[in-house]
Amino acid sequence: MSTQPTLADMLQRIQRLPALPAVALDLLNTLAGSEPDVISLARRIAQDQAIAARVLRVANSPFYGLQKRVGSVHDAVVVLGFSAVRSLVLAAAVVTGLPSGQCTGFEPDRFWRHVMGTAVAAQALARRLGRDAEAIFVAGLLHDIGRLAMVAIYPELFSRAVAVARERDCSLQEVELEIFGFDHAAVGAALARRWNFPEETIDALACHHQPAHGAPGGLAALIHYADAISKSLDFEEAEDTLMPILDAESVDALGLDWQALIEVLAETQARFDSYRLMLG
């Protein structure tokens, strides 16, 4: 008798996972364009000490080059602007609010370094392409969130997938499909739908490995490219990192020239060095 779960099983079990912290969900709603009450929102953020501490650590990092240290979330909003602080808070909320689970072979620190690298690479790409940098940052931050759900719900199966991928020296996604019958992209899209994320974010999570299947002009190609940039800059700090196979047509369609790519790589490295303080 097969023990392979179905995606329906997975989705039913997802209902038992914790939601994102309330302040993160509030901030996600403001991405849709609603005007935030910055003072009350800063007060709510400050009430979550773990999130506020991580935000202030990054806000005071050399990347932002502030002449004077900021000591409160409200001050950070005043100095850096609401958009920058919103991205910082969302990153901190995801890192602190979502469990990494206990699973042999799964390395949470490596996972989060790659995720953060992808988010900042996506943000750097968005700036060069005139796209919504915050929405793309969020999609990059959450692009592999389905893996956390798989680790939390099916740790033994996921541990087997990790072992097989290493033994074969192939992509983990390939083995996920074999062992589970679905991959982390499908699970991540289901989680994003549960949390009422914008449709373009759901599409990006679902199609970041196959951007040609995503909505035309959507975020999937950007996250696909950002994922590869994060891997190429070795943010995971692992000897067995495999470079993903790029969808050349989707990447070429972005129209990024060589000089722009050099700038993206430089900004990604600098921003990652700052944002990794979020992980400490």
Protein backbone atom coordinates (compact mmCIF):
# COMPACT_ATOMS: atom_id res chain seq x y z
CA MET A 1 0.00 0.00 0.00
CA SER A 2 1.43 3.38 -1.03
CA THR A 3 2.15 5.92 1.68
CA GLN A 4 2.44 8.75 -0.83
CA PRO A 5 0.28 11.66 0.34
CA THR A 6 -1.99 13.55 -2.00
CA LEU A 7 -1.99 17.31 -2.43
CA ALA A 8 -5.51 17.25 -0.94
CA ASP A 9 -4.07 15.59 2.21
CA MET A 10 -1.39 18.24 2.34
CA LEU A 11 -3.87 21.09 1.97
CA GLN A 12 -6.07 19.68 4.73
CA ARG A 13 -3.10 19.47 7.09
CA ILE A 14 -1.98 22.99 6.14
CA GLN A 15 -5.03 24.28 8.01
CA ARG A 16 -3.30 23.24 11.24
CA LEU A 17 -0.21 25.36 10.57
CA PRO A 18 0.04 28.75 12.26
CA ALA A 19 -0.78 31.84 10.27
CA LEU A 20 1.69 34.67 9.85
CA PRO A 21 1.84 37.11 12.78
CA ALA A 22 -1.08 39.54 12.72
CA VAL A 23 1.13 42.54 12.08
CA ALA A 24 2.56 40.86 8.98
CA LEU A 25 -0.93 40.19 7.61
CA ASP A 26 -1.83 43.84 8.27
CA LEU A 27 1.24 44.95 6.33
CA LEU A 28 0.46 42.62 3.44
CA ASN A 29 -2.94 44.27 3.18
CA THR A 30 -1.24 47.66 2.78
CA LEU A 31 0.67 46.30 -0.24
CA ALA A 32 -2.64 46.42 -2.10
CA GLY A 33 -2.59 50.20 -1.84
CA SER A 34 -4.62 50.96 1.26
CA GLU A 35 -3.25 53.93 3.20
CA PRO A 36 -1.66 52.77 6.45
CA ASP A 37 -1.89 54.58 9.76
CA VAL A 38 1.86 54.64 10.27
CA ILE A 39 1.75 55.70 13.93
CA SER A 40 -0.64 52.94 15.03
CA LEU A 41 1.11 50.39 12.84
CA ALA A 42 4.51 51.30 14.28
CA ARG A 43 3.02 50.89 17.74
CA ARG A 44 1.74 47.42 16.85
CA ILE A 45 5.10 46.41 15.39
CA ALA A 46 6.87 47.62 18.53
CA GLN A 47 4.68 45.34 20.65
CA ASP A 48 6.32 42.31 19.04
CA GLN A 49 9.77 42.58 20.58
CA ALA A 50 11.34 39.82 18.49
CA ILE A 51 10.27 41.44 15.22
CA ALA A 52 11.09 44.98 16.34
CA ALA A 53 14.58 43.99 17.50
CA ARG A 54 15.43 42.39 14.15
CA VAL A 55 14.06 45.37 12.22
CA LEU A 56 16.15 47.84 14.22
CA ARG A 57 19.26 45.67 13.86
CA VAL A 58 19.01 45.87 10.08
CA ALA A 59 17.90 49.52 10.00
CA ASN A 60 21.07 50.45 11.91
CA SER A 61 23.34 48.36 9.67
CA PRO A 62 25.95 50.00 7.39
CA PHE A 63 23.76 49.32 4.34
CA TYR A 64 21.44 52.21 5.19
CA GLY A 65 24.31 54.51 6.22
CA LEU A 66 22.36 56.41 8.86
CA GLN A 67 24.31 59.15 10.60
CA LYS A 68 22.46 58.51 13.84
CA ARG A 69 21.16 55.24 15.28
CA VAL A 70 17.40 54.76 15.34
CA GLY A 71 16.00 53.40 18.58
CA SER A 72 12.36 52.72 17.76
CA VAL A 73 10.26 51.39 14.90
CA HIS A 74 8.56 54.78 14.63
CA ASP A 75 11.96 56.48 14.20
CA ALA A 76 12.90 53.90 11.58
CA VAL A 77 9.72 54.73 9.64
CA VAL A 78 10.52 58.45 9.81
CA VAL A 79 14.14 58.00 8.68
CA LEU A 80 13.86 55.12 6.19
CA GLY A 81 10.28 55.53 5.00
CA PHE A 82 7.30 53.25 5.41
CA SER A 83 8.08 51.11 2.36
CA ALA A 84 11.57 50.16 3.55
CA VAL A 85 10.38 49.39 7.08
CA ARG A 86 7.44 47.36 5.77
CA SER A 87 9.85 45.09 3.88
CA LEU A 88 12.04 44.74 6.97
CA VAL A 89 9.07 43.90 9.20
CA LEU A 90 7.69 41.34 6.75
CA ALA A 91 11.09 39.65 6.56
CA ALA A 92 11.40 39.59 10.35
CA ALA A 93 7.82 38.30 10.75
CA VAL A 94 8.37 35.44 8.32
CA VAL A 95 11.67 34.42 9.94
CA THR A 96 10.32 34.55 13.50
CA GLY A 97 6.75 33.42 12.87
CA LEU A 98 7.08 30.33 10.70
CA PRO A 99 8.44 27.09 12.18
CA SER A 100 11.35 25.36 10.47
CA GLY A 101 10.35 21.95 11.83
CA GLN A 102 12.53 19.02 12.89
CA CYS A 103 13.69 17.00 9.91
CA THR A 104 16.90 15.03 9.40
CA GLY A 105 18.91 16.52 6.55
CA PHE A 106 16.98 19.80 6.44
CA GLU A 107 19.16 22.76 7.44
CA PRO A 108 17.04 25.76 8.51
CA ASP A 109 19.95 28.21 8.53
CA ARG A 110 20.86 27.29 4.96
CA PHE A 111 17.21 27.52 3.95
CA TRP A 112 16.76 31.03 5.36
CA ARG A 113 20.02 32.32 3.86
CA HIS A 114 18.86 31.23 0.42
CA VAL A 115 15.36 32.66 0.95
CA MET A 116 16.69 36.02 2.12
CA GLY A 117 19.16 36.09 -0.78
CA THR A 118 16.37 35.44 -3.26
CA ALA A 119 14.20 38.19 -1.73
CA VAL A 120 16.91 40.85 -1.95
CA ALA A 121 17.92 39.72 -5.45
CA ALA A 122 14.28 39.99 -6.54
CA GLN A 123 14.12 43.48 -5.04
CA ALA A 124 17.29 44.53 -6.89
CA LEU A 125 15.92 43.16 -10.18
CA ALA A 126 12.63 44.99 -9.64
CA ARG A 127 14.39 48.32 -9.20
CA ARG A 128 16.24 47.94 -12.51
CA LEU A 129 13.06 46.89 -14.32
CA GLY A 130 10.74 49.53 -12.88
CA ARG A 131 8.58 46.94 -11.12
CA ASP A 132 6.95 46.98 -7.68
CA ALA A 133 10.00 46.19 -5.53
CA GLU A 134 8.02 45.44 -2.37
CA ALA A 135 5.58 42.97 -3.91
CA ILE A 136 8.50 41.19 -5.58
CA PHE A 137 10.49 41.18 -2.33
CA VAL A 138 7.57 39.45 -0.59
CA ALA A 139 7.28 36.86 -3.38
CA GLY A 140 11.02 36.17 -3.11
CA LEU A 141 10.80 35.91 0.66
CA LEU A 142 8.03 33.33 0.42
CA HIS A 143 9.01 31.48 -2.76
CA ASP A 144 10.13 28.31 -0.93
CA ILE A 145 7.63 28.54 1.94
CA GLY A 146 6.02 25.30 0.76
CA ARG A 147 9.17 23.47 1.87
CA LEU A 148 8.65 24.59 5.45
CA ALA A 149 5.12 23.19 5.34
CA MET A 150 6.37 19.87 3.93
CA VAL A 151 9.06 19.68 6.62
CA ALA A 152 6.53 20.45 9.37
CA ILE A 153 3.82 18.06 8.17
CA TYR A 154 5.77 15.18 6.59
CA PRO A 155 9.27 15.31 8.16
CA GLU A 156 10.14 11.66 7.47
CA LEU A 157 9.14 11.83 3.80
CA PHE A 158 10.97 15.12 3.34
CA SER A 159 14.06 13.70 5.03
CA ARG A 160 13.98 10.84 2.51
CA ALA A 161 13.65 13.35 -0.34
CA VAL A 162 16.72 15.27 0.88
CA ALA A 163 18.75 12.05 1.13
CA VAL A 164 17.74 10.86 -2.35
CA ALA A 165 18.49 14.26 -3.92
CA ARG A 166 21.98 14.24 -2.39
CA GLU A 167 22.61 10.65 -3.42
CA ARG A 168 21.61 11.35 -7.02
CA ASP A 169 23.11 14.85 -7.09
CA CYS A 170 19.85 16.20 -8.53
CA SER A 171 17.42 18.94 -7.62
CA LEU A 172 15.30 18.52 -4.49
CA GLN A 173 12.23 19.64 -6.44
CA GLU A 174 12.63 16.67 -8.79
CA VAL A 175 12.63 14.24 -5.87
CA GLU A 176 9.74 16.03 -4.15
CA LEU A 177 7.59 15.30 -7.20
CA GLU A 178 8.65 11.66 -7.13
CA ILE A 179 8.12 11.03 -3.42
CA PHE A 180 5.18 13.31 -2.68
CA GLY A 181 3.52 13.56 -6.08
CA PHE A 182 3.67 17.37 -5.82
CA ASP A 183 6.39 19.91 -5.06
CA HIS A 184 6.99 22.82 -2.69
CA ALA A 185 5.84 25.30 -5.33
CA ALA A 186 2.32 23.84 -5.33
CA VAL A 187 2.25 23.78 -1.53
CA GLY A 188 3.57 27.35 -1.28
CA ALA A 189 0.87 28.61 -3.63
CA ALA A 190 -1.76 26.86 -1.50
CA LEU A 191 -0.39 28.51 1.66
CA ALA A 192 -0.37 31.92 -0.02
CA ARG A 193 -3.98 31.40 -1.05
CA ARG A 194 -4.91 30.49 2.53
CA TRP A 195 -3.31 33.74 3.73
CA ASN A 196 -5.22 35.75 1.07
CA PHE A 197 -2.12 36.92 -0.77
CA PRO A 198 -2.49 38.83 -4.03
CA GLU A 199 -3.05 36.60 -7.05
CA GLU A 200 0.25 37.66 -8.65
CA THR A 201 2.15 36.46 -5.56
CA ILE A 202 0.32 33.12 -5.60
CA ASP A 203 1.21 32.75 -9.30
CA ALA A 204 4.88 33.55 -8.61
CA LEU A 205 5.10 30.92 -5.88
CA ALA A 206 3.39 28.32 -8.05
CA CYS A 207 5.51 28.93 -11.16
CA HIS A 208 8.94 30.11 -10.01
CA HIS A 209 10.54 26.91 -11.32
CA GLN A 210 8.53 27.01 -14.55
CA PRO A 211 8.03 30.71 -15.27
CA ALA A 212 6.70 30.04 -18.77
CA HIS A 213 3.63 28.58 -17.07
CA GLY A 214 3.04 31.75 -15.06
CA ALA A 215 0.87 34.71 -15.92
CA PRO A 216 2.30 36.74 -18.84
CA GLY A 217 4.29 39.66 -17.47
CA GLY A 218 3.88 38.32 -13.92
CA LEU A 219 6.39 37.86 -11.12
CA ALA A 220 7.36 34.24 -11.76
CA ALA A 221 10.22 35.02 -14.17
CA LEU A 222 11.71 37.56 -11.74
CA ILE A 223 11.60 35.12 -8.83
CA HIS A 224 13.00 32.38 -11.10
CA TYR A 225 15.98 34.61 -11.94
CA ALA A 226 16.40 35.86 -8.35
CA ASP A 227 16.47 32.26 -7.12
CA ALA A 228 19.36 31.53 -9.51
CA ILE A 229 21.20 34.71 -8.47
CA SER A 230 20.93 33.72 -4.81
CA LYS A 231 22.36 30.28 -5.65
CA SER A 232 25.17 31.73 -7.77
CA LEU A 233 26.26 34.08 -4.95
CA ASP A 234 26.42 31.05 -2.63
CA PHE A 235 24.41 32.57 0.19
CA GLU A 236 23.66 29.03 1.38
CA GLU A 237 27.36 28.49 2.12
CA ALA A 238 27.08 24.83 1.15
CA GLU A 239 29.33 22.59 -0.91
CA ASP A 240 26.46 20.70 -2.55
CA THR A 241 24.48 23.68 -3.89
CA LEU A 242 23.12 22.92 -7.35
CA MET A 243 22.55 25.73 -9.82
CA PRO A 244 18.97 25.68 -11.14
CA ILE A 245 18.42 25.40 -14.89
CA LEU A 246 17.32 28.79 -16.13
CA ASP A 247 14.38 29.21 -18.46
CA ALA A 248 16.38 31.24 -21.00
CA GLU A 249 13.34 32.59 -22.85
CA SER A 250 11.70 33.90 -19.67
CA VAL A 251 14.95 35.46 -18.44
CA ASP A 252 15.74 37.03 -21.83
CA ALA A 253 12.25 38.53 -21.92
CA LEU A 254 13.12 40.59 -18.83
CA GLY A 255 15.46 42.62 -21.06
CA LEU A 256 18.20 43.05 -18.47
CA ASP A 257 21.55 44.03 -20.01
CA TRP A 258 24.97 43.03 -18.70
CA GLN A 259 25.64 46.32 -16.89
CA ALA A 260 22.27 46.15 -15.14
CA LEU A 261 23.02 42.57 -14.05
CA ILE A 262 26.36 43.64 -12.56
CA GLU A 263 24.52 46.32 -10.58
CA VAL A 264 21.93 43.79 -9.45
CA LEU A 265 24.64 41.41 -8.21
CA ALA A 266 26.41 44.19 -6.29
CA GLU A 267 23.21 45.45 -4.67
CA THR A 268 22.10 41.93 -3.84
CA GLN A 269 25.36 41.15 -2.06
CA ALA A 270 25.33 44.42 -0.09
CA ARG A 271 21.68 44.15 0.91
CA PHE A 272 22.06 40.48 1.86
CA ASP A 273 25.00 41.28 4.15
CA SER A 274 22.65 43.66 5.95
CA TYR A 275 19.51 41.55 5.90
CA ARG A 276 21.27 38.44 7.18
CA LEU A 277 21.30 40.23 10.56
CA MET A 278 17.60 39.31 10.52
CA LEU A 279 18.63 35.68 10.87
CA GLY A 280 20.77 36.13 13.96
